[in-house]
Amino acid sequence: MSENQNLLAEQRRALILDEVRRRGGVRVNELTRKLGVSDMTVRRDLDALARQGVLEKVHGGAVPVVEASTHEPGFEAKSGLELTAKEDIARTAAELVAPGTAIALSGGTTTYALAHHLLDVPELTVVTNSVRVADVFHSAQRTSGQRQGGATVVLTGGVRTPSDSLVGPVADQAIASLHFDVLFLGVHGISVEAGLSTPNLAEAETNRRLVQSARRVVVVADHTKWGTVGLSSFAALEQVDTLVTDAGLPAEAREEISEHLRRLVVAGDAEEDTDI
């Protein structure tokens, strides 16, 4: 991590969390040197991250939280994590969207970031089970008015999860009757053994329906999702056409993923766009 006293609090906390996860723990004095901020600032950041439940404070520093496979963080808890990575992924994924197509966006903070980059793509039909994603388009319409070529948004309905996704039989039935060109799918975890997974059983079934209704499946997931396994798997890696991730994904993981996916796109790395 480079020293930068001008980092926003959310950026600094994302860097701290990444360091904790990568190293398995850090000390306060190490973070003050690397971030170029005061001891008090680091301790406030650790307090904030501990309240979100993403790390555990210990004497003199912090260690990662070992999450159960059934643990499902809320949208707000996830929204402050890996902000730069999510923005890079969203910007790159938006380039895969052609005007006039029917796309689907699942729930999640990365698909929420992607939605903001799709507001100027004309004549889209957007199917989503995310209250947050739908609100991005509706808010844009309220602000600028119903403009010609604006997106048509189909919100599936269903029961709301902690991550503000709509799941359950109502959502499943709505999705099963639709067909879309591309699905952009956020995930809780991704691994070779478990494929794509989530801690929420109902969300797993809804995601399964989304995958079945799509001609192409694009997973948008930052590097921290690799190796994470939730309670329920809903798709194998071989069902994914493209994974868009960030430059934090280790080289060995990229190689392993490339053995199972048709295409790996690393946002922010112009040389890393591998067609399998």
C-alpha atoms as a PDB file:
ATOM      1  CA  MET A   1       0.000   0.000   0.000  1.00  0.00           C
ATOM      2  CA  SER A   2       1.366   3.404  -0.889  1.00  0.00           C
ATOM      3  CA  GLU A   3       1.480   6.240   1.610  1.00  0.00           C
ATOM      4  CA  ASN A   4      -1.220   8.809   0.933  1.00  0.00           C
ATOM      5  CA  GLN A   5      -2.629  11.110   3.553  1.00  0.00           C
ATOM      6  CA  ASN A   6      -5.346  12.277   1.172  1.00  0.00           C
ATOM      7  CA  LEU A   7      -7.116   8.931   0.811  1.00  0.00           C
ATOM      8  CA  LEU A   8     -10.827   9.046   1.545  1.00  0.00           C
ATOM      9  CA  ALA A   9     -11.833   7.101   4.627  1.00  0.00           C
ATOM     10  CA  GLU A  10     -13.663   4.466   2.570  1.00  0.00           C
ATOM     11  CA  GLN A  11     -10.658   3.984   0.283  1.00  0.00           C
ATOM     12  CA  ARG A  12      -8.301   3.715   3.237  1.00  0.00           C
ATOM     13  CA  ARG A  13     -10.529   1.163   4.948  1.00  0.00           C
ATOM     14  CA  ALA A  14     -10.734  -0.920   1.762  1.00  0.00           C
ATOM     15  CA  LEU A  15      -6.930  -0.967   1.616  1.00  0.00           C
ATOM     16  CA  ILE A  16      -6.721  -1.954   5.293  1.00  0.00           C
ATOM     17  CA  LEU A  17      -9.202  -4.796   4.827  1.00  0.00           C
ATOM     18  CA  ASP A  18      -7.364  -6.066   1.760  1.00  0.00           C
ATOM     19  CA  GLU A  19      -4.110  -6.078   3.729  1.00  0.00           C
ATOM     20  CA  VAL A  20      -5.710  -7.934   6.643  1.00  0.00           C
ATOM     21  CA  ARG A  21      -7.149 -10.594   4.347  1.00  0.00           C
ATOM     22  CA  ARG A  22      -3.989 -10.947   2.274  1.00  0.00           C
ATOM     23  CA  ARG A  23      -1.618 -11.258   5.228  1.00  0.00           C
ATOM     24  CA  GLY A  24      -3.936 -12.850   7.752  1.00  0.00           C
ATOM     25  CA  GLY A  25      -3.556  -9.920  10.137  1.00  0.00           C
ATOM     26  CA  VAL A  26      -1.817  -6.547  10.562  1.00  0.00           C
ATOM     27  CA  ARG A  27      -0.530  -4.360  13.372  1.00  0.00           C
ATOM     28  CA  VAL A  28      -1.587  -0.756  13.920  1.00  0.00           C
ATOM     29  CA  ASN A  29       1.980   0.584  13.669  1.00  0.00           C
ATOM     30  CA  GLU A  30       2.433  -1.155  10.307  1.00  0.00           C
ATOM     31  CA  LEU A  31      -0.706   0.492   8.942  1.00  0.00           C
ATOM     32  CA  THR A  32       0.282   3.950  10.156  1.00  0.00           C
ATOM     33  CA  ARG A  33       3.583   3.680   8.268  1.00  0.00           C
ATOM     34  CA  LYS A  34       2.071   2.314   5.079  1.00  0.00           C
ATOM     35  CA  LEU A  35      -0.880   4.707   4.957  1.00  0.00           C
ATOM     36  CA  GLY A  36       0.945   7.746   6.264  1.00  0.00           C
ATOM     37  CA  VAL A  37      -1.771   8.547   8.804  1.00  0.00           C
ATOM     38  CA  SER A  38      -1.956   8.784  12.579  1.00  0.00           C
ATOM     39  CA  ASP A  39      -2.358   5.954  15.038  1.00  0.00           C
ATOM     40  CA  MET A  40      -5.755   7.394  16.012  1.00  0.00           C
ATOM     41  CA  THR A  41      -6.956   7.397  12.385  1.00  0.00           C
ATOM     42  CA  VAL A  42      -6.025   3.749  11.925  1.00  0.00           C
ATOM     43  CA  ARG A  43      -7.777   2.770  15.148  1.00  0.00           C
ATOM     44  CA  ARG A  44     -10.943   4.599  14.042  1.00  0.00           C
ATOM     45  CA  ASP A  45     -10.791   2.745  10.719  1.00  0.00           C
ATOM     46  CA  LEU A  46     -10.398  -0.594  12.484  1.00  0.00           C
ATOM     47  CA  ASP A  47     -13.333   0.255  14.749  1.00  0.00           C
ATOM     48  CA  ALA A  48     -15.499   1.024  11.698  1.00  0.00           C
ATOM     49  CA  LEU A  49     -14.510  -2.188   9.923  1.00  0.00           C
ATOM     50  CA  ALA A  50     -15.091  -4.222  13.083  1.00  0.00           C
ATOM     51  CA  ARG A  51     -18.616  -2.756  13.365  1.00  0.00           C
ATOM     52  CA  GLN A  52     -19.261  -3.914   9.794  1.00  0.00           C
ATOM     53  CA  GLY A  53     -18.228  -7.404  10.889  1.00  0.00           C
ATOM     54  CA  VAL A  54     -15.496  -7.788   8.259  1.00  0.00           C
ATOM     55  CA  LEU A  55     -12.520  -7.984  10.628  1.00  0.00           C
ATOM     56  CA  GLU A  56     -11.816  -8.570  14.313  1.00  0.00           C
ATOM     57  CA  LYS A  57      -9.780  -6.198  16.445  1.00  0.00           C
ATOM     58  CA  VAL A  58      -7.054  -7.795  18.551  1.00  0.00           C
ATOM     59  CA  HIS A  59      -4.427  -6.267  20.832  1.00  0.00           C
ATOM     60  CA  GLY A  60      -2.263  -4.026  18.666  1.00  0.00           C
ATOM     61  CA  GLY A  61      -3.991  -4.753  15.350  1.00  0.00           C
ATOM     62  CA  ALA A  62      -6.643  -6.781  13.527  1.00  0.00           C
ATOM     63  CA  VAL A  63      -7.265 -10.206  11.999  1.00  0.00           C
ATOM     64  CA  PRO A  64      -9.809 -11.449   9.437  1.00  0.00           C
ATOM     65  CA  VAL A  65     -13.213 -12.707  10.476  1.00  0.00           C
ATOM     66  CA  VAL A  66     -13.777 -16.339   9.555  1.00  0.00           C
ATOM     67  CA  GLU A  67     -17.318 -16.282   8.215  1.00  0.00           C
ATOM     68  CA  ALA A  68     -19.701 -19.205   8.327  1.00  0.00           C
ATOM     69  CA  SER A  69     -21.013 -20.402   4.988  1.00  0.00           C
ATOM     70  CA  THR A  70     -24.473 -19.188   6.017  1.00  0.00           C
ATOM     71  CA  HIS A  71     -23.379 -15.624   6.897  1.00  0.00           C
ATOM     72  CA  GLU A  72     -24.961 -13.057   4.578  1.00  0.00           C
ATOM     73  CA  PRO A  73     -23.733  -9.459   4.974  1.00  0.00           C
ATOM     74  CA  GLY A  74     -26.212  -6.673   4.288  1.00  0.00           C
ATOM     75  CA  PHE A  75     -25.939  -4.311   1.333  1.00  0.00           C
ATOM     76  CA  GLU A  76     -24.575  -1.427   3.411  1.00  0.00           C
ATOM     77  CA  ALA A  77     -21.864  -3.612   4.966  1.00  0.00           C
ATOM     78  CA  LYS A  78     -20.681  -4.742   1.529  1.00  0.00           C
ATOM     79  CA  SER A  79     -21.020  -1.414  -0.250  1.00  0.00           C
ATOM     80  CA  GLY A  80     -17.949   0.110   1.410  1.00  0.00           C
ATOM     81  CA  LEU A  81     -15.613  -2.764   0.490  1.00  0.00           C
ATOM     82  CA  GLU A  82     -13.261  -2.922  -2.517  1.00  0.00           C
ATOM     83  CA  LEU A  83     -14.656   0.319  -3.960  1.00  0.00           C
ATOM     84  CA  THR A  84     -11.891   0.867  -6.503  1.00  0.00           C
ATOM     85  CA  ALA A  85     -12.048  -2.729  -7.699  1.00  0.00           C
ATOM     86  CA  LYS A  86     -15.833  -2.618  -8.085  1.00  0.00           C
ATOM     87  CA  GLU A  87     -15.672   0.619 -10.035  1.00  0.00           C
ATOM     88  CA  ASP A  88     -12.993  -0.779 -12.375  1.00  0.00           C
ATOM     89  CA  ILE A  89     -15.034  -3.944 -12.899  1.00  0.00           C
ATOM     90  CA  ALA A  90     -18.241  -1.988 -13.525  1.00  0.00           C
ATOM     91  CA  ARG A  91     -16.607   0.291 -16.079  1.00  0.00           C
ATOM     92  CA  THR A  92     -15.107  -2.681 -17.927  1.00  0.00           C
ATOM     93  CA  ALA A  93     -18.296  -4.761 -17.828  1.00  0.00           C
ATOM     94  CA  ALA A  94     -20.335  -1.867 -19.222  1.00  0.00           C
ATOM     95  CA  GLU A  95     -18.271  -2.068 -22.410  1.00  0.00           C
ATOM     96  CA  LEU A  96     -19.786  -5.519 -23.021  1.00  0.00           C
ATOM     97  CA  VAL A  97     -23.316  -4.094 -23.276  1.00  0.00           C
ATOM     98  CA  ALA A  98     -24.662  -3.300 -26.746  1.00  0.00           C
ATOM     99  CA  PRO A  99     -27.471  -0.765 -27.303  1.00  0.00           C
ATOM    100  CA  GLY A 100     -30.923  -2.235 -27.777  1.00  0.00           C
ATOM    101  CA  THR A 101     -30.264  -5.503 -25.966  1.00  0.00           C
ATOM    102  CA  ALA A 102     -32.126  -7.208 -23.150  1.00  0.00           C
ATOM    103  CA  ILE A 103     -29.884  -7.701 -20.143  1.00  0.00           C
ATOM    104  CA  ALA A 104     -30.317  -8.908 -16.581  1.00  0.00           C
ATOM    105  CA  LEU A 105     -28.572  -7.606 -13.494  1.00  0.00           C
ATOM    106  CA  SER A 106     -28.613  -9.696 -10.330  1.00  0.00           C
ATOM    107  CA  GLY A 107     -28.435  -8.251  -6.846  1.00  0.00           C
ATOM    108  CA  GLY A 108     -25.138  -7.100  -5.376  1.00  0.00           C
ATOM    109  CA  THR A 109     -22.937  -4.063  -4.888  1.00  0.00           C
ATOM    110  CA  THR A 110     -20.886  -4.679  -8.049  1.00  0.00           C
ATOM    111  CA  THR A 111     -23.971  -4.906 -10.265  1.00  0.00           C
ATOM    112  CA  TYR A 112     -25.212  -1.768  -8.494  1.00  0.00           C
ATOM    113  CA  ALA A 113     -21.994  -0.008  -9.574  1.00  0.00           C
ATOM    114  CA  LEU A 114     -22.455  -1.392 -13.102  1.00  0.00           C
ATOM    115  CA  ALA A 115     -25.984   0.018 -13.333  1.00  0.00           C
ATOM    116  CA  HIS A 116     -24.620   3.556 -13.033  1.00  0.00           C
ATOM    117  CA  HIS A 117     -22.442   2.984 -16.093  1.00  0.00           C
ATOM    118  CA  LEU A 118     -25.388   1.782 -18.183  1.00  0.00           C
ATOM    119  CA  LEU A 119     -27.576   4.875 -17.874  1.00  0.00           C
ATOM    120  CA  ASP A 120     -26.402   6.285 -21.196  1.00  0.00           C
ATOM    121  CA  VAL A 121     -26.648   3.030 -23.182  1.00  0.00           C
ATOM    122  CA  PRO A 122     -29.725   3.523 -25.379  1.00  0.00           C
ATOM    123  CA  GLU A 123     -32.759   1.272 -25.736  1.00  0.00           C
ATOM    124  CA  LEU A 124     -31.867  -1.242 -23.046  1.00  0.00           C
ATOM    125  CA  THR A 125     -34.348  -3.594 -21.453  1.00  0.00           C
ATOM    126  CA  VAL A 126     -33.093  -4.319 -17.939  1.00  0.00           C
ATOM    127  CA  VAL A 127     -34.443  -7.253 -15.936  1.00  0.00           C
ATOM    128  CA  THR A 128     -33.367  -7.205 -12.300  1.00  0.00           C
ATOM    129  CA  ASN A 129     -34.216  -8.715  -8.944  1.00  0.00           C
ATOM    130  CA  SER A 130     -32.309  -5.930  -7.184  1.00  0.00           C
ATOM    131  CA  VAL A 131     -34.223  -3.082  -5.569  1.00  0.00           C
ATOM    132  CA  ARG A 132     -31.028  -1.014  -5.557  1.00  0.00           C
ATOM    133  CA  VAL A 133     -30.304  -1.571  -9.255  1.00  0.00           C
ATOM    134  CA  ALA A 134     -33.855  -0.706 -10.263  1.00  0.00           C
ATOM    135  CA  ASP A 135     -33.664   2.473  -8.212  1.00  0.00           C
ATOM    136  CA  VAL A 136     -30.546   3.606 -10.105  1.00  0.00           C
ATOM    137  CA  PHE A 137     -32.543   3.715 -13.347  1.00  0.00           C
ATOM    138  CA  HIS A 138     -35.708   5.090 -11.756  1.00  0.00           C
ATOM    139  CA  SER A 139     -33.763   7.861  -9.988  1.00  0.00           C
ATOM    140  CA  ALA A 140     -32.110   8.840 -13.259  1.00  0.00           C
ATOM    141  CA  GLN A 141     -35.525   9.067 -14.916  1.00  0.00           C
ATOM    142  CA  ARG A 142     -36.911  11.175 -12.083  1.00  0.00           C
ATOM    143  CA  THR A 143     -33.950  13.544 -12.300  1.00  0.00           C
ATOM    144  CA  SER A 144     -33.721  13.963 -16.082  1.00  0.00           C
ATOM    145  CA  GLY A 145     -37.260  13.030 -17.076  1.00  0.00           C
ATOM    146  CA  GLN A 146     -38.428  10.183 -19.274  1.00  0.00           C
ATOM    147  CA  ARG A 147     -36.030  10.589 -22.171  1.00  0.00           C
ATOM    148  CA  GLN A 148     -36.180   8.855 -25.520  1.00  0.00           C
ATOM    149  CA  GLY A 149     -33.993   5.760 -25.579  1.00  0.00           C
ATOM    150  CA  GLY A 150     -33.995   5.379 -21.798  1.00  0.00           C
ATOM    151  CA  ALA A 151     -33.931   1.917 -20.310  1.00  0.00           C
ATOM    152  CA  THR A 152     -37.062  -0.131 -19.736  1.00  0.00           C
ATOM    153  CA  VAL A 153     -36.718  -1.731 -16.302  1.00  0.00           C
ATOM    154  CA  VAL A 154     -38.449  -4.954 -15.250  1.00  0.00           C
ATOM    155  CA  LEU A 155     -38.308  -5.586 -11.490  1.00  0.00           C
ATOM    156  CA  THR A 156     -39.097  -9.218 -10.750  1.00  0.00           C
ATOM    157  CA  GLY A 157     -40.823  -8.916  -7.385  1.00  0.00           C
ATOM    158  CA  GLY A 158     -40.279 -11.382  -4.572  1.00  0.00           C
ATOM    159  CA  VAL A 159     -39.083 -11.473  -0.950  1.00  0.00           C
ATOM    160  CA  ARG A 160     -36.313  -9.052   0.005  1.00  0.00           C
ATOM    161  CA  THR A 161     -32.957 -10.398   1.297  1.00  0.00           C
ATOM    162  CA  PRO A 162     -30.398  -8.595   3.519  1.00  0.00           C
ATOM    163  CA  SER A 163     -28.547  -7.643   0.314  1.00  0.00           C
ATOM    164  CA  ASP A 164     -31.722  -6.024  -1.104  1.00  0.00           C
ATOM    165  CA  SER A 165     -32.307  -8.734  -3.704  1.00  0.00           C
ATOM    166  CA  LEU A 166     -35.793 -10.075  -4.442  1.00  0.00           C
ATOM    167  CA  VAL A 167     -35.956 -13.870  -4.305  1.00  0.00           C
ATOM    168  CA  GLY A 168     -38.417 -16.713  -3.847  1.00  0.00           C
ATOM    169  CA  PRO A 169     -41.231 -18.246  -5.936  1.00  0.00           C
ATOM    170  CA  VAL A 170     -42.567 -14.928  -7.281  1.00  0.00           C
ATOM    171  CA  ALA A 171     -39.149 -13.884  -8.547  1.00  0.00           C
ATOM    172  CA  ASP A 172     -38.390 -17.373  -9.868  1.00  0.00           C
ATOM    173  CA  GLN A 173     -41.622 -17.578 -11.844  1.00  0.00           C
ATOM    174  CA  ALA A 174     -41.132 -14.130 -13.372  1.00  0.00           C
ATOM    175  CA  ILE A 175     -37.555 -14.894 -14.431  1.00  0.00           C
ATOM    176  CA  ALA A 176     -38.441 -18.325 -15.867  1.00  0.00           C
ATOM    177  CA  SER A 177     -40.818 -16.689 -18.366  1.00  0.00           C
ATOM    178  CA  LEU A 178     -38.167 -14.278 -19.695  1.00  0.00           C
ATOM    179  CA  HIS A 179     -35.177 -14.556 -22.008  1.00  0.00           C
ATOM    180  CA  PHE A 180     -32.322 -12.066 -22.068  1.00  0.00           C
ATOM    181  CA  ASP A 181     -29.149 -11.659 -24.078  1.00  0.00           C
ATOM    182  CA  VAL A 182     -26.664 -11.214 -21.222  1.00  0.00           C
ATOM    183  CA  LEU A 183     -26.833 -11.783 -17.477  1.00  0.00           C
ATOM    184  CA  PHE A 184     -24.458  -9.772 -15.282  1.00  0.00           C
ATOM    185  CA  LEU A 185     -24.191 -11.751 -12.098  1.00  0.00           C
ATOM    186  CA  GLY A 186     -22.743 -10.699  -8.758  1.00  0.00           C
ATOM    187  CA  VAL A 187     -21.686 -13.529  -6.475  1.00  0.00           C
ATOM    188  CA  HIS A 188     -20.921 -14.129  -2.816  1.00  0.00           C
ATOM    189  CA  GLY A 189     -18.236 -16.668  -3.638  1.00  0.00           C
ATOM    190  CA  ILE A 190     -16.528 -18.381  -6.555  1.00  0.00           C
ATOM    191  CA  SER A 191     -14.275 -21.439  -6.573  1.00  0.00           C
ATOM    192  CA  VAL A 192     -13.377 -24.377  -8.779  1.00  0.00           C
ATOM    193  CA  GLU A 193     -14.965 -26.932  -6.445  1.00  0.00           C
ATOM    194  CA  ALA A 194     -18.173 -25.099  -5.509  1.00  0.00           C
ATOM    195  CA  GLY A 195     -18.593 -22.919  -8.599  1.00  0.00           C
ATOM    196  CA  LEU A 196     -20.789 -19.901  -7.848  1.00  0.00           C
ATOM    197  CA  SER A 197     -22.337 -19.875  -4.392  1.00  0.00           C
ATOM    198  CA  THR A 198     -24.370 -17.837  -1.916  1.00  0.00           C
ATOM    199  CA  PRO A 199     -25.270 -18.215   1.762  1.00  0.00           C
ATOM    200  CA  ASN A 200     -28.969 -17.667   0.969  1.00  0.00           C
ATOM    201  CA  LEU A 201     -30.853 -20.779  -0.214  1.00  0.00           C
ATOM    202  CA  ALA A 202     -33.692 -18.838  -1.829  1.00  0.00           C
ATOM    203  CA  GLU A 203     -31.253 -16.534  -3.599  1.00  0.00           C
ATOM    204  CA  ALA A 204     -29.398 -19.569  -4.941  1.00  0.00           C
ATOM    205  CA  GLU A 205     -32.574 -20.795  -6.650  1.00  0.00           C
ATOM    206  CA  THR A 206     -33.338 -17.350  -8.080  1.00  0.00           C
ATOM    207  CA  ASN A 207     -29.790 -17.036  -9.391  1.00  0.00           C
ATOM    208  CA  ARG A 208     -30.125 -20.493 -10.915  1.00  0.00           C
ATOM    209  CA  ARG A 209     -33.193 -19.287 -12.830  1.00  0.00           C
ATOM    210  CA  LEU A 210     -31.323 -16.188 -14.000  1.00  0.00           C
ATOM    211  CA  VAL A 211     -28.505 -18.341 -15.383  1.00  0.00           C
ATOM    212  CA  GLN A 212     -30.982 -20.618 -17.184  1.00  0.00           C
ATOM    213  CA  SER A 213     -32.741 -17.657 -18.836  1.00  0.00           C
ATOM    214  CA  ALA A 214     -29.584 -16.023 -20.206  1.00  0.00           C
ATOM    215  CA  ARG A 215     -27.870 -16.565 -23.543  1.00  0.00           C
ATOM    216  CA  ARG A 216     -24.574 -15.404 -22.005  1.00  0.00           C
ATOM    217  CA  VAL A 217     -23.481 -15.245 -18.363  1.00  0.00           C
ATOM    218  CA  VAL A 218     -20.987 -12.607 -17.229  1.00  0.00           C
ATOM    219  CA  VAL A 219     -19.877 -12.808 -13.595  1.00  0.00           C
ATOM    220  CA  VAL A 220     -18.686  -9.526 -12.066  1.00  0.00           C
ATOM    221  CA  ALA A 221     -16.655 -10.277  -8.935  1.00  0.00           C
ATOM    222  CA  ASP A 222     -13.652  -8.677  -7.253  1.00  0.00           C
ATOM    223  CA  HIS A 223     -10.645 -10.748  -6.234  1.00  0.00           C
ATOM    224  CA  THR A 224     -11.813 -11.255  -2.633  1.00  0.00           C
ATOM    225  CA  LYS A 225     -14.659 -13.477  -3.884  1.00  0.00           C
ATOM    226  CA  TRP A 226     -12.212 -16.063  -5.223  1.00  0.00           C
ATOM    227  CA  GLY A 227     -11.987 -19.038  -2.867  1.00  0.00           C
ATOM    228  CA  THR A 228     -15.069 -18.016  -0.873  1.00  0.00           C
ATOM    229  CA  VAL A 229     -17.774 -20.692  -0.595  1.00  0.00           C
ATOM    230  CA  GLY A 230     -21.357 -20.024   0.506  1.00  0.00           C
ATOM    231  CA  LEU A 231     -23.879 -22.552   1.743  1.00  0.00           C
ATOM    232  CA  SER A 232     -25.520 -23.211  -1.631  1.00  0.00           C
ATOM    233  CA  SER A 233     -23.994 -23.571  -5.103  1.00  0.00           C
ATOM    234  CA  PHE A 234     -26.125 -22.499  -8.045  1.00  0.00           C
ATOM    235  CA  ALA A 235     -23.848 -22.758 -11.098  1.00  0.00           C
ATOM    236  CA  ALA A 236     -20.622 -24.420 -12.172  1.00  0.00           C
ATOM    237  CA  LEU A 237     -17.741 -22.384 -13.564  1.00  0.00           C
ATOM    238  CA  GLU A 238     -18.309 -24.024 -16.930  1.00  0.00           C
ATOM    239  CA  GLN A 239     -21.709 -22.273 -17.144  1.00  0.00           C
ATOM    240  CA  VAL A 240     -19.993 -18.871 -17.034  1.00  0.00           C
ATOM    241  CA  ASP A 241     -19.003 -17.279 -20.341  1.00  0.00           C
ATOM    242  CA  THR A 242     -16.963 -14.385 -18.933  1.00  0.00           C
ATOM    243  CA  LEU A 243     -15.549 -13.413 -15.557  1.00  0.00           C
ATOM    244  CA  VAL A 244     -14.758  -9.729 -15.100  1.00  0.00           C
ATOM    245  CA  THR A 245     -12.537  -9.228 -12.059  1.00  0.00           C
ATOM    246  CA  ASP A 246      -9.837  -6.812 -10.861  1.00  0.00           C
ATOM    247  CA  ALA A 247      -6.052  -6.728 -10.869  1.00  0.00           C
ATOM    248  CA  GLY A 248      -5.893  -7.947  -7.263  1.00  0.00           C
ATOM    249  CA  LEU A 249      -6.561 -11.513  -8.407  1.00  0.00           C
ATOM    250  CA  PRO A 250      -3.315 -13.517  -7.953  1.00  0.00           C
ATOM    251  CA  ALA A 251      -1.579 -15.008 -10.977  1.00  0.00           C
ATOM    252  CA  GLU A 252      -2.132 -18.590  -9.818  1.00  0.00           C
ATOM    253  CA  ALA A 253      -5.863 -17.941  -9.463  1.00  0.00           C
ATOM    254  CA  ARG A 254      -6.002 -16.449 -12.968  1.00  0.00           C
ATOM    255  CA  GLU A 255      -4.363 -19.539 -14.364  1.00  0.00           C
ATOM    256  CA  GLU A 256      -6.734 -21.852 -12.514  1.00  0.00           C
ATOM    257  CA  ILE A 257      -9.815 -19.883 -13.584  1.00  0.00           C
ATOM    258  CA  SER A 258      -8.682 -19.844 -17.210  1.00  0.00           C
ATOM    259  CA  GLU A 259      -8.814 -23.640 -17.238  1.00  0.00           C
ATOM    260  CA  HIS A 260     -12.580 -23.560 -16.605  1.00  0.00           C
ATOM    261  CA  LEU A 261     -13.917 -20.344 -18.182  1.00  0.00           C
ATOM    262  CA  ARG A 262     -14.224 -19.261 -21.786  1.00  0.00           C
ATOM    263  CA  ARG A 263     -13.010 -15.722 -21.089  1.00  0.00           C
ATOM    264  CA  LEU A 264     -11.277 -13.935 -18.214  1.00  0.00           C
ATOM    265  CA  VAL A 265     -11.181 -10.124 -18.217  1.00  0.00           C
ATOM    266  CA  VAL A 266      -9.068  -8.341 -15.617  1.00  0.00           C
ATOM    267  CA  ALA A 267     -10.220  -4.741 -15.267  1.00  0.00           C
ATOM    268  CA  GLY A 268      -7.411  -2.226 -15.304  1.00  0.00           C
ATOM    269  CA  ASP A 269      -5.022  -4.698 -16.946  1.00  0.00           C
ATOM    270  CA  ALA A 270      -5.063  -4.131 -20.704  1.00  0.00           C
ATOM    271  CA  GLU A 271      -2.956  -7.205 -21.377  1.00  0.00           C
ATOM    272  CA  GLU A 272      -5.141  -9.570 -19.400  1.00  0.00           C
ATOM    273  CA  ASP A 273      -8.135 -10.427 -21.543  1.00  0.00           C
ATOM    274  CA  THR A 274      -7.938 -14.141 -22.132  1.00  0.00           C
ATOM    275  CA  ASP A 275     -10.199 -16.005 -24.519  1.00  0.00           C
ATOM    276  CA  ILE A 276     -10.236 -19.716 -23.794  1.00  0.00           C
END
